[in-house]
N, C-alpha and C. Protein backbone atom coordinates (compact mmCIF):
# COMPACT_ATOMS: atom_id res chain seq x y z
N UNK A 1 -5.38 -3.78 -19.19
CA UNK A 1 -4.92 -2.69 -18.66
C UNK A 1 -3.75 -2.58 -18.23
N UNK A 2 -2.70 -1.33 -18.33
CA UNK A 2 -1.33 -1.32 -18.10
C UNK A 2 -1.04 -0.63 -16.96
N UNK A 3 -1.58 -1.04 -15.63
CA UNK A 3 -1.12 -0.65 -14.15
C UNK A 3 -0.23 -1.83 -14.02
N UNK A 4 0.92 -1.12 -13.24
CA UNK A 4 2.05 -1.70 -12.61
C UNK A 4 1.89 -2.46 -11.60
N UNK A 5 0.82 -2.09 -10.71
CA UNK A 5 0.36 -2.80 -9.50
C UNK A 5 -0.51 -3.71 -9.84
N UNK A 6 -1.36 -3.69 -10.85
CA UNK A 6 -2.23 -4.87 -11.35
C UNK A 6 -1.34 -6.06 -11.97
N UNK A 7 -0.21 -5.76 -12.49
CA UNK A 7 0.59 -6.66 -13.01
C UNK A 7 1.35 -7.41 -11.98
N UNK A 8 1.89 -6.66 -10.76
CA UNK A 8 2.32 -7.34 -9.62
C UNK A 8 1.38 -8.21 -9.04
N UNK A 9 0.24 -7.71 -8.67
CA UNK A 9 -0.76 -8.75 -8.16
C UNK A 9 -1.10 -9.82 -8.94
N UNK A 10 -1.22 -9.73 -10.23
CA UNK A 10 -1.64 -11.02 -11.09
C UNK A 10 -0.08 -12.12 -11.24
N UNK A 11 1.03 -11.26 -10.67
CA UNK A 11 2.25 -12.08 -10.90
C UNK A 11 2.93 -12.01 -12.26
N UNK A 12 2.41 -10.98 -12.99
CA UNK A 12 3.40 -10.71 -14.24
C UNK A 12 4.79 -9.84 -14.06
N UNK A 13 4.68 -9.34 -12.90
CA UNK A 13 5.94 -8.65 -12.56
C UNK A 13 6.31 -8.85 -11.05
N UNK A 14 7.36 -9.60 -11.03
CA UNK A 14 8.01 -10.14 -9.38
C UNK A 14 7.99 -8.98 -8.35
N UNK A 15 7.73 -9.38 -7.31
CA UNK A 15 7.54 -8.65 -6.06
C UNK A 15 7.99 -9.41 -4.73
N UNK A 16 8.39 -8.54 -3.74
CA UNK A 16 8.82 -9.25 -2.57
C UNK A 16 7.51 -9.17 -1.70
N UNK A 17 6.85 -10.36 -1.67
CA UNK A 17 5.35 -10.40 -1.41
C UNK A 17 5.83 -10.39 0.60
N UNK A 18 5.17 -9.58 1.25
CA UNK A 18 4.96 -9.46 2.41
C UNK A 18 3.77 -10.37 2.96
N UNK A 19 2.46 -10.12 2.38
CA UNK A 19 1.24 -10.47 2.85
C UNK A 19 0.07 -10.61 1.92
N UNK A 20 -0.69 -11.48 1.83
CA UNK A 20 -2.05 -11.54 0.87
C UNK A 20 -2.91 -12.19 1.33
N UNK A 21 -4.12 -11.72 0.97
CA UNK A 21 -5.39 -12.50 1.24
C UNK A 21 -6.25 -12.32 0.06
N UNK A 22 -7.59 -12.86 0.15
CA UNK A 22 -8.33 -12.65 -1.10
C UNK A 22 -8.48 -11.59 -1.73
N UNK A 23 -8.27 -10.15 -0.99
CA UNK A 23 -8.95 -8.74 -1.00
C UNK A 23 -7.45 -7.99 -1.34
N UNK A 24 -6.48 -8.45 -0.55
CA UNK A 24 -5.22 -7.53 -0.24
C UNK A 24 -3.86 -8.16 -0.79
N UNK A 25 -2.97 -7.11 -1.39
CA UNK A 25 -1.63 -7.80 -1.59
C UNK A 25 -0.65 -6.59 -0.95
N UNK A 26 0.39 -7.13 -0.43
CA UNK A 26 1.26 -6.18 0.20
C UNK A 26 2.89 -6.59 -0.18
N UNK A 27 3.68 -5.70 -0.43
CA UNK A 27 4.71 -6.24 -0.95
C UNK A 27 5.75 -4.92 -0.67
N UNK A 28 7.04 -5.29 -0.63
CA UNK A 28 8.25 -4.32 -0.15
C UNK A 28 8.26 -3.34 -1.49
N UNK A 29 8.34 -2.03 -1.01
CA UNK A 29 8.78 -0.96 -2.03
C UNK A 29 10.10 -1.16 -2.50
N UNK A 30 10.25 -1.02 -3.91
CA UNK A 30 11.38 -1.06 -4.55
C UNK A 30 12.52 0.09 -4.18
N UNK A 31 11.60 1.23 -3.88
CA UNK A 31 12.74 2.37 -3.24
C UNK A 31 12.55 2.73 -1.85
N UNK A 32 12.72 2.04 -0.89
CA UNK A 32 12.26 2.56 0.34
C UNK A 32 12.64 3.91 0.88
N UNK A 33 11.81 4.27 1.74
CA UNK A 33 11.86 5.48 2.41
C UNK A 33 12.13 5.57 4.06
N UNK A 34 12.06 3.98 4.35
CA UNK A 34 12.35 3.96 5.59
C UNK A 34 12.87 2.42 5.65
N UNK A 35 13.27 2.16 7.05
CA UNK A 35 14.02 0.62 7.02
C UNK A 35 12.99 -0.30 6.62
N UNK A 36 11.90 -0.32 7.02
CA UNK A 36 10.52 -0.85 6.47
C UNK A 36 9.79 -0.10 5.54
N UNK A 37 9.48 -0.29 4.24
CA UNK A 37 8.67 0.57 3.53
C UNK A 37 7.98 -0.59 2.67
N UNK A 38 6.58 -0.89 3.04
CA UNK A 38 5.69 -1.53 2.28
C UNK A 38 4.37 -1.12 1.80
N UNK A 39 4.07 -1.53 0.55
CA UNK A 39 2.70 -1.14 -0.25
C UNK A 39 1.77 -1.92 0.10
N UNK A 40 0.88 -1.77 0.38
CA UNK A 40 -0.82 -2.24 0.52
C UNK A 40 -1.70 -1.99 -0.36
N UNK A 41 -2.19 -2.72 -1.11
CA UNK A 41 -3.19 -2.54 -2.48
C UNK A 41 -4.18 -3.51 -2.17
N UNK A 42 -5.34 -2.84 -2.73
CA UNK A 42 -6.47 -3.87 -2.85
C UNK A 42 -6.17 -4.68 -4.29
N UNK A 43 -6.89 -5.89 -4.55
CA UNK A 43 -6.74 -6.70 -5.56
C UNK A 43 -7.16 -6.09 -6.81
N UNK A 44 -8.26 -5.20 -6.68
CA UNK A 44 -9.31 -4.43 -7.45
C UNK A 44 -8.62 -3.44 -7.82
N UNK A 45 -8.70 -2.76 -9.12
CA UNK A 45 -7.92 -1.58 -9.44
C UNK A 45 -9.08 -0.41 -9.33
N UNK A 46 -8.38 0.37 -8.34
CA UNK A 46 -9.17 1.75 -8.06
C UNK A 46 -8.10 2.83 -8.12
N UNK A 47 -8.28 3.81 -8.84
CA UNK A 47 -7.08 4.59 -9.18
C UNK A 47 -6.76 5.51 -7.87
N UNK A 48 -7.72 6.04 -6.88
CA UNK A 48 -6.90 6.89 -5.97
C UNK A 48 -8.35 6.79 -4.94
N UNK A 49 -7.94 7.64 -3.80
CA UNK A 49 -9.01 7.68 -2.86
C UNK A 49 -10.16 8.75 -3.30
N UNK A 50 -9.88 9.57 -4.69
CA UNK A 50 -10.83 10.27 -5.22
C UNK A 50 -11.97 9.26 -5.90
N UNK A 51 -11.31 8.28 -6.20
CA UNK A 51 -12.29 7.12 -6.99
C UNK A 51 -13.21 6.21 -6.09
N UNK A 52 -12.88 6.34 -4.57
CA UNK A 52 -13.70 5.33 -3.78
C UNK A 52 -15.18 5.74 -3.90
N UNK A 53 -15.99 4.58 -4.07
CA UNK A 53 -17.41 4.91 -4.15
C UNK A 53 -17.99 3.75 -3.52
N UNK A 54 -19.51 3.79 -3.63
CA UNK A 54 -20.17 2.52 -2.83
C UNK A 54 -20.06 1.46 -3.31
N UNK A 55 -19.48 1.24 -4.56
CA UNK A 55 -19.11 -0.10 -5.07
C UNK A 55 -17.93 -0.72 -4.72
N UNK A 56 -17.00 0.16 -4.59
CA UNK A 56 -15.50 -0.45 -4.13
C UNK A 56 -14.97 -0.05 -2.67
N UNK A 57 -15.85 0.48 -1.98
CA UNK A 57 -15.61 0.99 -0.49
C UNK A 57 -15.21 -0.40 0.11
N UNK A 58 -15.57 -1.67 -0.10
CA UNK A 58 -15.36 -2.49 0.71
C UNK A 58 -13.92 -3.04 0.46
N UNK A 59 -13.41 -3.07 -0.99
CA UNK A 59 -12.19 -3.47 -1.10
C UNK A 59 -11.18 -2.31 -0.28
N UNK A 60 -11.29 -1.34 -0.38
CA UNK A 60 -10.71 -0.36 0.54
C UNK A 60 -10.63 -0.86 2.09
N UNK A 61 -11.80 -1.06 2.44
CA UNK A 61 -11.81 -1.51 3.83
C UNK A 61 -11.18 -2.42 4.26
N UNK A 62 -11.01 -3.61 3.12
CA UNK A 62 -10.36 -4.76 3.47
C UNK A 62 -8.75 -4.31 3.64
N UNK A 63 -8.34 -3.22 3.03
CA UNK A 63 -6.73 -2.85 2.96
C UNK A 63 -6.72 -2.27 4.27
N UNK A 64 -7.55 -1.48 4.69
CA UNK A 64 -7.45 -0.84 6.03
C UNK A 64 -7.41 -1.81 7.11
N UNK A 65 -8.20 -2.78 6.91
CA UNK A 65 -8.55 -3.80 8.25
C UNK A 65 -6.89 -4.76 7.77
N UNK A 66 -6.29 -4.70 6.88
CA UNK A 66 -5.28 -5.60 6.73
C UNK A 66 -3.92 -4.66 7.30
N UNK A 67 -3.91 -3.53 7.20
CA UNK A 67 -2.56 -2.84 7.64
C UNK A 67 -2.00 -3.32 9.03
N UNK A 68 -2.82 -3.13 10.21
CA UNK A 68 -2.27 -3.66 11.15
C UNK A 68 -1.62 -5.04 11.21
N UNK A 69 -2.08 -6.06 10.30
CA UNK A 69 -1.54 -7.41 10.27
C UNK A 69 -0.27 -7.06 9.57
N UNK A 70 -0.20 -6.42 8.45
CA UNK A 70 1.08 -6.45 7.78
C UNK A 70 2.01 -5.85 8.56
N UNK A 71 1.65 -4.61 9.24
CA UNK A 71 2.71 -4.05 10.29
C UNK A 71 3.17 -4.99 11.08
N UNK A 72 2.22 -6.11 12.00
CA UNK A 72 2.83 -6.77 12.86
C UNK A 72 3.83 -7.87 11.97
N UNK A 73 3.66 -8.30 11.00
CA UNK A 73 4.23 -9.26 9.89
C UNK A 73 5.54 -8.75 9.81
N UNK A 74 5.66 -7.32 9.78
CA UNK A 74 7.10 -6.66 9.32
C UNK A 74 7.70 -6.30 10.89
N UNK A 75 7.36 -6.56 11.94
CA UNK A 75 7.66 -6.38 13.04
C UNK A 75 7.77 -5.18 13.51
N UNK A 76 6.72 -4.22 13.25
CA UNK A 76 6.50 -2.79 13.59
C UNK A 76 5.92 -2.76 14.89
N UNK A 77 6.39 -3.37 15.96
CA UNK A 77 5.75 -3.18 17.30
C UNK A 77 5.61 -1.78 17.92
N UNK A 78 6.56 -1.03 17.36
CA UNK A 78 6.90 0.25 18.36
C UNK A 78 6.22 1.61 17.32
N UNK A 79 5.27 1.26 16.47
CA UNK A 79 4.78 2.28 15.76
C UNK A 79 5.22 2.18 14.23
N UNK A 80 4.20 3.02 13.51
CA UNK A 80 4.48 2.98 11.93
C UNK A 80 3.67 4.19 11.47
N UNK A 81 4.01 4.43 10.29
CA UNK A 81 3.11 5.57 9.64
C UNK A 81 2.43 5.06 8.31
N UNK A 82 1.19 5.48 8.11
CA UNK A 82 0.64 4.87 6.70
C UNK A 82 0.41 6.32 6.07
N UNK A 83 0.56 6.08 4.64
CA UNK A 83 0.57 7.32 3.72
C UNK A 83 -0.10 6.85 2.37
N UNK A 84 -1.08 7.76 1.83
CA UNK A 84 -1.39 7.40 0.69
C UNK A 84 -1.17 8.67 -0.06
N UNK A 85 -0.87 8.79 -1.29
CA UNK A 85 -0.86 9.76 -2.15
C UNK A 85 -1.96 9.97 -3.15
N UNK A 86 -2.54 11.17 -3.45
CA UNK A 86 -3.48 11.47 -4.15
C UNK A 86 -3.18 12.30 -5.28
N UNK A 87 -3.33 11.97 -6.25
CA UNK A 87 -3.15 12.70 -7.62
C UNK A 87 -1.50 13.14 -7.85
N UNK A 88 -1.22 13.72 -8.96
CA UNK A 88 -0.05 14.35 -9.34
C UNK A 88 0.69 15.23 -8.19
N UNK A 89 0.09 16.22 -7.72
CA UNK A 89 0.61 17.19 -6.84
C UNK A 89 0.75 16.55 -5.45
N UNK A 90 0.02 15.53 -5.26
CA UNK A 90 0.15 14.81 -3.84
C UNK A 90 1.17 13.43 -3.75
N UNK A 91 1.92 13.26 -5.24
CA UNK A 91 2.99 12.59 -5.32
C UNK A 91 2.60 11.24 -5.78
N UNK A 92 1.29 11.06 -6.15
CA UNK A 92 0.79 9.65 -6.66
C UNK A 92 1.69 9.28 -8.06
N UNK A 93 2.29 8.25 -8.09
CA UNK A 93 2.84 7.84 -9.10
C UNK A 93 2.62 6.71 -9.88
N UNK A 94 1.75 5.77 -9.30
CA UNK A 94 1.27 4.76 -9.71
C UNK A 94 -0.61 4.85 -9.47
N UNK A 95 -1.03 4.97 -10.68
CA UNK A 95 -2.40 5.23 -10.49
C UNK A 95 -3.44 4.10 -10.00
N UNK A 96 -3.07 3.45 -9.08
CA UNK A 96 -3.78 2.29 -8.36
C UNK A 96 -3.73 2.69 -6.86
N UNK A 97 -4.78 2.85 -6.06
CA UNK A 97 -4.72 3.14 -4.71
C UNK A 97 -3.88 2.23 -4.13
N UNK A 98 -2.94 3.04 -3.23
CA UNK A 98 -2.13 2.07 -2.36
C UNK A 98 -1.65 2.85 -1.09
N UNK A 99 -1.22 1.94 -0.03
CA UNK A 99 -1.15 2.49 1.18
C UNK A 99 0.42 2.33 1.80
N UNK A 100 1.10 3.41 1.76
CA UNK A 100 2.70 2.91 2.13
C UNK A 100 2.60 2.82 3.63
N UNK A 101 3.35 1.87 4.27
CA UNK A 101 3.73 1.54 5.64
C UNK A 101 5.01 2.06 5.88
N UNK A 102 5.24 2.87 6.53
CA UNK A 102 6.93 3.14 7.02
C UNK A 102 7.03 2.63 8.54
N UNK A 103 8.29 2.37 8.78
CA UNK A 103 8.58 2.07 10.00
C UNK A 103 10.04 1.47 10.32
N UNK A 104 9.82 0.84 11.29
CA UNK A 104 11.33 0.11 11.61
C UNK A 104 12.32 1.03 11.95
N UNK A 105 12.11 2.33 12.39
CA UNK A 105 13.26 3.14 12.71
C UNK A 105 12.14 4.50 13.29
N UNK A 106 12.79 5.49 14.11
CA UNK A 106 12.15 6.52 14.46
C UNK A 106 12.27 7.17 13.09
N UNK A 107 10.71 7.83 13.03
CA UNK A 107 10.49 8.75 11.43
C UNK A 107 10.54 10.13 11.83
N UNK A 108 10.98 10.84 11.04
CA UNK A 108 10.97 12.29 11.25
C UNK A 108 9.64 12.92 11.34
N UNK A 109 9.27 13.84 12.32
CA UNK A 109 7.94 14.59 12.23
C UNK A 109 7.99 15.66 10.93
N UNK A 110 7.53 15.37 9.85
CA UNK A 110 7.47 16.07 8.98
C UNK A 110 6.70 15.42 7.85
N UNK A 111 6.24 16.31 6.76
CA UNK A 111 5.65 15.51 5.92
C UNK A 111 6.67 14.55 5.05
N UNK A 112 5.85 13.44 4.65
CA UNK A 112 6.50 12.39 4.03
C UNK A 112 6.87 12.52 2.53
């Protein structure tokens, strides 16, 4: 598979790891849009929210459960934003479901 996030998870591409468990990998975004910008991904390849089904919902659930832990690890005690992009029009550039955690500063109230 030629998925950049799968390569990061497998250690083939270096990343600044923030958190990892059996199901989830979180790492700093290389082009941050906030003081703190971390990507949280399931270790199994799922293309996007549109691809979530009964067979992979547990992997996505594990990501959702990990997000508060990742935010805490990043020192985001005053709030943060979670975003996932879906498809080309939604701004998804990597076809592996991922959730952006943005914070560390007052974020503007507008679409990210």
